[in-house]
Amino acid sequence: MVQQDIHHQLQQVSKQLHEAQATARLAQGSDLSLLEQANQQLSQVERMLQHVQNQAGTEATENAQFQQAYEQLHDTRQQVQEAQQNNNDIL
């Protein structure tokens, strides 16, 4: 049952992460409000992952879906930060 619950929660994390990635892609040009929205979505994803980890402990962190979501969170956050830096350099 715990494994099924982890899987369901990680599906929700994945959905939220994909939304954040889509927002980040839309903001690549110079839309600061979309970049901020992407940051907020990524913060939500991070909280969701922490919640899953707090509930399931090692079982969650050893889950391949959890690890992939965590890596995607990190990569997307880095892309958003780079886009924000590029926008700041232009301004």
PDB file of N, CA and C in Angstrom:
ATOM      1  N   MET A   1       0.825  -1.197   0.000  1.00  0.00           N
ATOM      2  CA  MET A   1       0.000   0.000   0.000  1.00  0.00           C
ATOM      3  C   MET A   1       0.863   1.252   0.000  1.00  0.00           C
ATOM      4  N   VAL A   2       1.953   1.225   0.765  1.00  0.00           N
ATOM      5  CA  VAL A   2       2.832   2.379   0.812  1.00  0.00           C
ATOM      6  C   VAL A   2       3.417   2.647  -0.565  1.00  0.00           C
ATOM      7  N   GLN A   3       3.817   1.586  -1.267  1.00  0.00           N
ATOM      8  CA  GLN A   3       4.407   1.740  -2.599  1.00  0.00           C
ATOM      9  C   GLN A   3       3.406   2.388  -3.559  1.00  0.00           C
ATOM     10  N   GLN A   4       2.145   1.999  -3.475  1.00  0.00           N
ATOM     11  CA  GLN A   4       1.109   2.572  -4.326  1.00  0.00           C
ATOM     12  C   GLN A   4       0.901   4.047  -3.997  1.00  0.00           C
ATOM     13  N   ASP A   5       0.927   4.382  -2.712  1.00  0.00           N
ATOM     14  CA  ASP A   5       0.768   5.769  -2.285  1.00  0.00           C
ATOM     15  C   ASP A   5       1.942   6.622  -2.776  1.00  0.00           C
ATOM     16  N   ILE A   6       3.150   6.092  -2.670  1.00  0.00           N
ATOM     17  CA  ILE A   6       4.331   6.808  -3.174  1.00  0.00           C
ATOM     18  C   ILE A   6       4.182   7.054  -4.658  1.00  0.00           C
ATOM     19  N   HIS A   7       3.777   6.017  -5.380  1.00  0.00           N
ATOM     20  CA  HIS A   7       3.625   6.137  -6.837  1.00  0.00           C
ATOM     21  C   HIS A   7       2.609   7.229  -7.179  1.00  0.00           C
ATOM     22  N   HIS A   8       1.484   7.240  -6.488  1.00  0.00           N
ATOM     23  CA  HIS A   8       0.454   8.253  -6.745  1.00  0.00           C
ATOM     24  C   HIS A   8       0.983   9.657  -6.457  1.00  0.00           C
ATOM     25  N   GLN A   9       1.646   9.816  -5.325  1.00  0.00           N
ATOM     26  CA  GLN A   9       2.175  11.129  -4.975  1.00  0.00           C
ATOM     27  C   GLN A   9       3.239  11.575  -5.972  1.00  0.00           C
ATOM     28  N   LEU A  10       4.056  10.637  -6.416  1.00  0.00           N
ATOM     29  CA  LEU A  10       5.097  10.993  -7.385  1.00  0.00           C
ATOM     30  C   LEU A  10       4.503  11.323  -8.750  1.00  0.00           C
ATOM     31  N   GLN A  11       3.363  10.748  -9.065  1.00  0.00           N
ATOM     32  CA  GLN A  11       2.670  11.146 -10.293  1.00  0.00           C
ATOM     33  C   GLN A  11       2.234  12.609 -10.198  1.00  0.00           C
ATOM     34  N   GLN A  12       1.756  13.011  -9.029  1.00  0.00           N
ATOM     35  CA  GLN A  12       1.365  14.404  -8.818  1.00  0.00           C
ATOM     36  C   GLN A  12       2.585  15.326  -8.912  1.00  0.00           C
ATOM     37  N   VAL A  13       3.699  14.876  -8.343  1.00  0.00           N
ATOM     38  CA  VAL A  13       4.948  15.641  -8.421  1.00  0.00           C
ATOM     39  C   VAL A  13       5.348  15.807  -9.884  1.00  0.00           C
ATOM     40  N   SER A  14       5.279  14.728 -10.632  1.00  0.00           N
ATOM     41  CA  SER A  14       5.665  14.759 -12.043  1.00  0.00           C
ATOM     42  C   SER A  14       4.789  15.732 -12.835  1.00  0.00           C
ATOM     43  N   LYS A  15       3.494  15.708 -12.576  1.00  0.00           N
ATOM     44  CA  LYS A  15       2.572  16.624 -13.261  1.00  0.00           C
ATOM     45  C   LYS A  15       2.944  18.077 -12.959  1.00  0.00           C
ATOM     46  N   GLN A  16       3.166  18.379 -11.689  1.00  0.00           N
ATOM     47  CA  GLN A  16       3.523  19.745 -11.291  1.00  0.00           C
ATOM     48  C   GLN A  16       4.868  20.150 -11.891  1.00  0.00           C
ATOM     49  N   LEU A  17       5.795  19.208 -11.924  1.00  0.00           N
ATOM     50  CA  LEU A  17       7.118  19.485 -12.479  1.00  0.00           C
ATOM     51  C   LEU A  17       7.022  19.795 -13.970  1.00  0.00           C
ATOM     52  N   HIS A  18       6.210  19.037 -14.692  1.00  0.00           N
ATOM     53  CA  HIS A  18       6.040  19.298 -16.121  1.00  0.00           C
ATOM     54  C   HIS A  18       5.418  20.673 -16.360  1.00  0.00           C
ATOM     55  N   GLU A  19       4.498  21.070 -15.509  1.00  0.00           N
ATOM     56  CA  GLU A  19       3.905  22.406 -15.624  1.00  0.00           C
ATOM     57  C   GLU A  19       4.963  23.483 -15.396  1.00  0.00           C
ATOM     58  N   ALA A  20       5.816  23.281 -14.420  1.00  0.00           N
ATOM     59  CA  ALA A  20       6.887  24.241 -14.143  1.00  0.00           C
ATOM     60  C   ALA A  20       7.868  24.305 -15.309  1.00  0.00           C
ATOM     61  N   GLN A  21       8.181  23.150 -15.882  1.00  0.00           N
ATOM     62  CA  GLN A  21       9.095  23.121 -17.030  1.00  0.00           C
ATOM     63  C   GLN A  21       8.491  23.848 -18.220  1.00  0.00           C
ATOM     64  N   ALA A  22       7.201  23.650 -18.449  1.00  0.00           N
ATOM     65  CA  ALA A  22       6.528  24.343 -19.554  1.00  0.00           C
ATOM     66  C   ALA A  22       6.532  25.850 -19.328  1.00  0.00           C
ATOM     67  N   THR A  23       6.280  26.267 -18.111  1.00  0.00           N
ATOM     68  CA  THR A  23       6.310  27.694 -17.788  1.00  0.00           C
ATOM     69  C   THR A  23       7.711  28.258 -18.007  1.00  0.00           C
ATOM     70  N   ALA A  24       8.713  27.509 -17.583  1.00  0.00           N
ATOM     71  CA  ALA A  24      10.102  27.962 -17.753  1.00  0.00           C
ATOM     72  C   ALA A  24      10.439  28.104 -19.235  1.00  0.00           C
ATOM     73  N   ARG A  25       9.990  27.162 -20.044  1.00  0.00           N
ATOM     74  CA  ARG A  25      10.257  27.256 -21.487  1.00  0.00           C
ATOM     75  C   ARG A  25       9.584  28.485 -22.088  1.00  0.00           C
ATOM     76  N   LEU A  26       8.363  28.755 -21.683  1.00  0.00           N
ATOM     77  CA  LEU A  26       7.642  29.927 -22.187  1.00  0.00           C
ATOM     78  C   LEU A  26       8.350  31.221 -21.793  1.00  0.00           C
ATOM     79  N   ALA A  27       8.991  31.213 -20.650  1.00  0.00           N
ATOM     80  CA  ALA A  27       9.616  32.423 -20.113  1.00  0.00           C
ATOM     81  C   ALA A  27      11.024  32.646 -20.641  1.00  0.00           C
ATOM     82  N   GLN A  28      11.564  31.728 -21.415  1.00  0.00           N
ATOM     83  CA  GLN A  28      12.961  31.825 -21.843  1.00  0.00           C
ATOM     84  C   GLN A  28      13.292  33.151 -22.506  1.00  0.00           C
ATOM     85  N   GLY A  29      12.345  33.726 -23.223  1.00  0.00           N
ATOM     86  CA  GLY A  29      12.623  34.995 -23.889  1.00  0.00           C
ATOM     87  C   GLY A  29      12.992  36.080 -22.904  1.00  0.00           C
ATOM     88  N   SER A  30      12.018  36.601 -22.215  1.00  0.00           N
ATOM     89  CA  SER A  30      12.322  37.663 -21.256  1.00  0.00           C
ATOM     90  C   SER A  30      11.163  37.946 -20.317  1.00  0.00           C
ATOM     91  N   ASP A  31      10.272  37.010 -20.167  1.00  0.00           N
ATOM     92  CA  ASP A  31       9.091  37.252 -19.351  1.00  0.00           C
ATOM     93  C   ASP A  31       9.401  36.981 -17.879  1.00  0.00           C
ATOM     94  N   LEU A  32       9.684  38.052 -17.155  1.00  0.00           N
ATOM     95  CA  LEU A  32      10.057  37.926 -15.751  1.00  0.00           C
ATOM     96  C   LEU A  32       8.935  37.348 -14.889  1.00  0.00           C
ATOM     97  N   SER A  33       7.686  37.680 -15.206  1.00  0.00           N
ATOM     98  CA  SER A  33       6.585  37.159 -14.397  1.00  0.00           C
ATOM     99  C   SER A  33       6.440  35.654 -14.594  1.00  0.00           C
ATOM    100  N   LEU A  34       6.679  35.170 -15.813  1.00  0.00           N
ATOM    101  CA  LEU A  34       6.626  33.726 -16.035  1.00  0.00           C
ATOM    102  C   LEU A  34       7.795  33.023 -15.344  1.00  0.00           C
ATOM    103  N   LEU A  35       8.951  33.656 -15.330  1.00  0.00           N
ATOM    104  CA  LEU A  35      10.085  33.071 -14.614  1.00  0.00           C
ATOM    105  C   LEU A  35       9.778  32.962 -13.128  1.00  0.00           C
ATOM    106  N   GLU A  36       9.141  33.981 -12.582  1.00  0.00           N
ATOM    107  CA  GLU A  36       8.765  33.944 -11.165  1.00  0.00           C
ATOM    108  C   GLU A  36       7.712  32.859 -10.924  1.00  0.00           C
ATOM    109  N   GLN A  37       6.779  32.738 -11.849  1.00  0.00           N
ATOM    110  CA  GLN A  37       5.769  31.689 -11.733  1.00  0.00           C
ATOM    111  C   GLN A  37       6.431  30.311 -11.774  1.00  0.00           C
ATOM    112  N   ALA A  38       7.389  30.123 -12.662  1.00  0.00           N
ATOM    113  CA  ALA A  38       8.112  28.853 -12.741  1.00  0.00           C
ATOM    114  C   ALA A  38       8.833  28.573 -11.426  1.00  0.00           C
ATOM    115  N   ASN A  39       9.441  29.598 -10.842  1.00  0.00           N
ATOM    116  CA  ASN A  39      10.113  29.435  -9.545  1.00  0.00           C
ATOM    117  C   ASN A  39       9.135  28.991  -8.461  1.00  0.00           C
ATOM    118  N   GLN A  40       7.960  29.577  -8.453  1.00  0.00           N
ATOM    119  CA  GLN A  40       6.949  29.208  -7.465  1.00  0.00           C
ATOM    120  C   GLN A  40       6.503  27.758  -7.661  1.00  0.00           C
ATOM    121  N   GLN A  41       6.330  27.369  -8.924  1.00  0.00           N
ATOM    122  CA  GLN A  41       5.930  25.992  -9.206  1.00  0.00           C
ATOM    123  C   GLN A  41       7.028  25.020  -8.769  1.00  0.00           C
ATOM    124  N   LEU A  42       8.270  25.388  -9.010  1.00  0.00           N
ATOM    125  CA  LEU A  42       9.381  24.525  -8.603  1.00  0.00           C
ATOM    126  C   LEU A  42       9.468  24.417  -7.088  1.00  0.00           C
ATOM    127  N   SER A  43       9.180  25.494  -6.398  1.00  0.00           N
ATOM    128  CA  SER A  43       9.149  25.440  -4.928  1.00  0.00           C
ATOM    129  C   SER A  43       8.057  24.493  -4.454  1.00  0.00           C
ATOM    130  N   GLN A  44       6.928  24.517  -5.139  1.00  0.00           N
ATOM    131  CA  GLN A  44       5.829  23.598  -4.806  1.00  0.00           C
ATOM    132  C   GLN A  44       6.267  22.151  -5.042  1.00  0.00           C
ATOM    133  N   VAL A  45       6.946  21.898  -6.157  1.00  0.00           N
ATOM    134  CA  VAL A  45       7.444  20.552  -6.454  1.00  0.00           C
ATOM    135  C   VAL A  45       8.402  20.102  -5.357  1.00  0.00           C
ATOM    136  N   GLU A  46       9.280  20.997  -4.941  1.00  0.00           N
ATOM    137  CA  GLU A  46      10.248  20.655  -3.897  1.00  0.00           C
ATOM    138  C   GLU A  46       9.527  20.296  -2.593  1.00  0.00           C
ATOM    139  N   ARG A  47       8.513  21.069  -2.243  1.00  0.00           N
ATOM    140  CA  ARG A  47       7.739  20.767  -1.027  1.00  0.00           C
ATOM    141  C   ARG A  47       7.037  19.411  -1.148  1.00  0.00           C
ATOM    142  N   MET A  48       6.519  19.129  -2.342  1.00  0.00           N
ATOM    143  CA  MET A  48       5.845  17.850  -2.559  1.00  0.00           C
ATOM    144  C   MET A  48       6.830  16.690  -2.412  1.00  0.00           C
ATOM    145  N   LEU A  49       8.012  16.840  -2.978  1.00  0.00           N
ATOM    146  CA  LEU A  49       9.021  15.791  -2.849  1.00  0.00           C
ATOM    147  C   LEU A  49       9.445  15.607  -1.393  1.00  0.00           C
ATOM    148  N   GLN A  50       9.588  16.696  -0.670  1.00  0.00           N
ATOM    149  CA  GLN A  50       9.949  16.601   0.745  1.00  0.00           C
ATOM    150  C   GLN A  50       8.852  15.893   1.538  1.00  0.00           C
ATOM    151  N   HIS A  51       7.607  16.166   1.181  1.00  0.00           N
ATOM    152  CA  HIS A  51       6.483  15.519   1.852  1.00  0.00           C
ATOM    153  C   HIS A  51       6.518  14.005   1.611  1.00  0.00           C
ATOM    154  N   VAL A  52       6.740  13.613   0.357  1.00  0.00           N
ATOM    155  CA  VAL A  52       6.830  12.190   0.026  1.00  0.00           C
ATOM    156  C   VAL A  52       7.973  11.554   0.809  1.00  0.00           C
ATOM    157  N   GLN A  53       9.104  12.233   0.838  1.00  0.00           N
ATOM    158  CA  GLN A  53      10.266  11.703   1.551  1.00  0.00           C
ATOM    159  C   GLN A  53       9.987  11.587   3.049  1.00  0.00           C
ATOM    160  N   ASN A  54       9.343  12.584   3.614  1.00  0.00           N
ATOM    161  CA  ASN A  54       9.020  12.547   5.040  1.00  0.00           C
ATOM    162  C   ASN A  54       8.062  11.403   5.373  1.00  0.00           C
ATOM    163  N   GLN A  55       7.144  11.131   4.457  1.00  0.00           N
ATOM    164  CA  GLN A  55       6.173  10.069   4.703  1.00  0.00           C
ATOM    165  C   GLN A  55       6.780   8.677   4.514  1.00  0.00           C
ATOM    166  N   ALA A  56       7.583   8.506   3.480  1.00  0.00           N
ATOM    167  CA  ALA A  56       8.037   7.162   3.119  1.00  0.00           C
ATOM    168  C   ALA A  56       9.508   6.912   3.405  1.00  0.00           C
ATOM    169  N   GLY A  57      10.251   7.947   3.721  1.00  0.00           N
ATOM    170  CA  GLY A  57      11.658   7.786   4.069  1.00  0.00           C
ATOM    171  C   GLY A  57      12.489   7.186   2.951  1.00  0.00           C
ATOM    172  N   THR A  58      13.306   6.211   3.307  1.00  0.00           N
ATOM    173  CA  THR A  58      14.239   5.603   2.361  1.00  0.00           C
ATOM    174  C   THR A  58      13.517   4.960   1.189  1.00  0.00           C
ATOM    175  N   GLU A  59      12.344   4.423   1.446  1.00  0.00           N
ATOM    176  CA  GLU A  59      11.580   3.791   0.363  1.00  0.00           C
ATOM    177  C   GLU A  59      11.290   4.789  -0.758  1.00  0.00           C
ATOM    178  N   ALA A  60      11.075   6.040  -0.402  1.00  0.00           N
ATOM    179  CA  ALA A  60      10.829   7.071  -1.417  1.00  0.00           C
ATOM    180  C   ALA A  60      12.115   7.446  -2.131  1.00  0.00           C
ATOM    181  N   THR A  61      13.167   7.692  -1.372  1.00  0.00           N
ATOM    182  CA  THR A  61      14.403   8.178  -1.991  1.00  0.00           C
ATOM    183  C   THR A  61      15.079   7.122  -2.850  1.00  0.00           C
ATOM    184  N   GLU A  62      14.784   5.851  -2.608  1.00  0.00           N
ATOM    185  CA  GLU A  62      15.341   4.788  -3.437  1.00  0.00           C
ATOM    186  C   GLU A  62      14.477   4.514  -4.665  1.00  0.00           C
ATOM    187  N   ASN A  63      13.326   5.149  -4.732  1.00  0.00           N
ATOM    188  CA  ASN A  63      12.407   4.978  -5.854  1.00  0.00           C
ATOM    189  C   ASN A  63      12.938   5.725  -7.073  1.00  0.00           C
ATOM    190  N   ALA A  64      13.014   5.032  -8.213  1.00  0.00           N
ATOM    191  CA  ALA A  64      13.561   5.631  -9.438  1.00  0.00           C
ATOM    192  C   ALA A  64      12.757   6.848  -9.880  1.00  0.00           C
ATOM    193  N   GLN A  65      11.455   6.803  -9.713  1.00  0.00           N
ATOM    194  CA  GLN A  65      10.596   7.929 -10.095  1.00  0.00           C
ATOM    195  C   GLN A  65      10.904   9.149  -9.223  1.00  0.00           C
ATOM    196  N   PHE A  66      11.137   8.924  -7.940  1.00  0.00           N
ATOM    197  CA  PHE A  66      11.497  10.004  -7.026  1.00  0.00           C
ATOM    198  C   PHE A  66      12.829  10.614  -7.446  1.00  0.00           C
ATOM    199  N   GLN A  67      13.816   9.770  -7.722  1.00  0.00           N
ATOM    200  CA  GLN A  67      15.138  10.246  -8.106  1.00  0.00           C
ATOM    201  C   GLN A  67      15.083  11.044  -9.404  1.00  0.00           C
ATOM    202  N   GLN A  68      14.295  10.566 -10.362  1.00  0.00           N
ATOM    203  CA  GLN A  68      14.159  11.280 -11.633  1.00  0.00           C
ATOM    204  C   GLN A  68      13.500  12.644 -11.417  1.00  0.00           C
ATOM    205  N   ALA A  69      12.465  12.684 -10.605  1.00  0.00           N
ATOM    206  CA  ALA A  69      11.781  13.955 -10.327  1.00  0.00           C
ATOM    207  C   ALA A  69      12.726  14.933  -9.646  1.00  0.00           C
ATOM    208  N   TYR A  70      13.522  14.428  -8.726  1.00  0.00           N
ATOM    209  CA  TYR A  70      14.475  15.289  -8.018  1.00  0.00           C
ATOM    210  C   TYR A  70      15.511  15.863  -8.983  1.00  0.00           C
ATOM    211  N   GLU A  71      16.012  15.022  -9.894  1.00  0.00           N
ATOM    212  CA  GLU A  71      16.992  15.490 -10.885  1.00  0.00           C
ATOM    213  C   GLU A  71      16.367  16.514 -11.823  1.00  0.00           C
ATOM    214  N   GLN A  72      15.138  16.256 -12.258  1.00  0.00           N
ATOM    215  CA  GLN A  72      14.457  17.199 -13.144  1.00  0.00           C
ATOM    216  C   GLN A  72      14.190  18.523 -12.434  1.00  0.00           C
ATOM    217  N   LEU A  73      13.845  18.448 -11.170  1.00  0.00           N
ATOM    218  CA  LEU A  73      13.649  19.668 -10.376  1.00  0.00           C
ATOM    219  C   LEU A  73      14.930  20.483 -10.369  1.00  0.00           C
ATOM    220  N   HIS A  74      16.032  19.831 -10.078  1.00  0.00           N
ATOM    221  CA  HIS A  74      17.324  20.516 -10.028  1.00  0.00           C
ATOM    222  C   HIS A  74      17.670  21.125 -11.394  1.00  0.00           C
ATOM    223  N   ASP A  75      17.517  20.356 -12.460  1.00  0.00           N
ATOM    224  CA  ASP A  75      17.851  20.836 -13.802  1.00  0.00           C
ATOM    225  C   ASP A  75      16.974  22.017 -14.218  1.00  0.00           C
ATOM    226  N   THR A  76      15.681  21.917 -13.939  1.00  0.00           N
ATOM    227  CA  THR A  76      14.760  22.991 -14.320  1.00  0.00           C
ATOM    228  C   THR A  76      15.030  24.247 -13.509  1.00  0.00           C
ATOM    229  N   ARG A  77      15.300  24.076 -12.224  1.00  0.00           N
ATOM    230  CA  ARG A  77      15.626  25.233 -11.381  1.00  0.00           C
ATOM    231  C   ARG A  77      16.871  25.937 -11.928  1.00  0.00           C
ATOM    232  N   GLN A  78      17.853  25.168 -12.350  1.00  0.00           N
ATOM    233  CA  GLN A  78      19.082  25.749 -12.908  1.00  0.00           C
ATOM    234  C   GLN A  78      18.774  26.507 -14.203  1.00  0.00           C
ATOM    235  N   GLN A  79      17.910  25.956 -15.046  1.00  0.00           N
ATOM    236  CA  GLN A  79      17.528  26.641 -16.286  1.00  0.00           C
ATOM    237  C   GLN A  79      16.832  27.959 -15.995  1.00  0.00           C
ATOM    238  N   VAL A  80      15.952  27.961 -15.019  1.00  0.00           N
ATOM    239  CA  VAL A  80      15.229  29.186 -14.653  1.00  0.00           C
ATOM    240  C   VAL A  80      16.206  30.225 -14.111  1.00  0.00           C
ATOM    241  N   GLN A  81      17.135  29.794 -13.277  1.00  0.00           N
ATOM    242  CA  GLN A  81      18.124  30.730 -12.726  1.00  0.00           C
ATOM    243  C   GLN A  81      18.998  31.315 -13.838  1.00  0.00           C
ATOM    244  N   GLU A  82      19.375  30.490 -14.807  1.00  0.00           N
ATOM    245  CA  GLU A  82      20.163  30.989 -15.935  1.00  0.00           C
ATOM    246  C   GLU A  82      19.361  31.996 -16.754  1.00  0.00           C
ATOM    247  N   ALA A  83      18.077  31.705 -16.975  1.00  0.00           N
ATOM    248  CA  ALA A  83      17.229  32.627 -17.723  1.00  0.00           C
ATOM    249  C   ALA A  83      17.079  33.948 -16.971  1.00  0.00           C
ATOM    250  N   GLN A  84      16.923  33.870 -15.650  1.00  0.00           N
ATOM    251  CA  GLN A  84      16.821  35.091 -14.854  1.00  0.00           C
ATOM    252  C   GLN A  84      18.120  35.893 -14.928  1.00  0.00           C
ATOM    253  N   GLN A  85      19.245  35.206 -14.871  1.00  0.00           N
ATOM    254  CA  GLN A  85      20.542  35.883 -14.958  1.00  0.00           C
ATOM    255  C   GLN A  85      20.708  36.542 -16.326  1.00  0.00           C
ATOM    256  N   ASN A  86      20.306  35.834 -17.383  1.00  0.00           N
ATOM    257  CA  ASN A  86      20.381  36.417 -18.721  1.00  0.00           C
ATOM    258  C   ASN A  86      19.515  37.644 -18.836  1.00  0.00           C
ATOM    259  N   ASN A  87      18.328  37.602 -18.247  1.00  0.00           N
ATOM    260  CA  ASN A  87      17.440  38.765 -18.271  1.00  0.00           C
ATOM    261  C   ASN A  87      18.059  39.921 -17.489  1.00  0.00           C
ATOM    262  N   ASN A  88      18.675  39.616 -16.357  1.00  0.00           N
ATOM    263  CA  ASN A  88      19.310  40.660 -15.568  1.00  0.00           C
ATOM    264  C   ASN A  88      20.477  41.277 -16.318  1.00  0.00           C
ATOM    265  N   ASP A  89      21.234  40.461 -17.037  1.00  0.00           N
ATOM    266  CA  ASP A  89      22.370  40.969 -17.822  1.00  0.00           C
ATOM    267  C   ASP A  89      21.903  41.908 -18.938  1.00  0.00           C
ATOM    268  N   ILE A  90      20.746  41.592 -19.522  1.00  0.00           N
ATOM    269  CA  ILE A  90      20.203  42.422 -20.602  1.00  0.00           C
ATOM    270  C   ILE A  90      19.735  43.757 -20.054  1.00  0.00           C
ATOM    271  N   LEU A  91      19.133  43.730 -18.876  1.00  0.00           N
ATOM    272  CA  LEU A  91      18.624  44.962 -18.272  1.00  0.00           C
ATOM    273  C   LEU A  91      19.775  45.759 -17.733  1.00  0.00           C
TER     274      LEU A  91
END
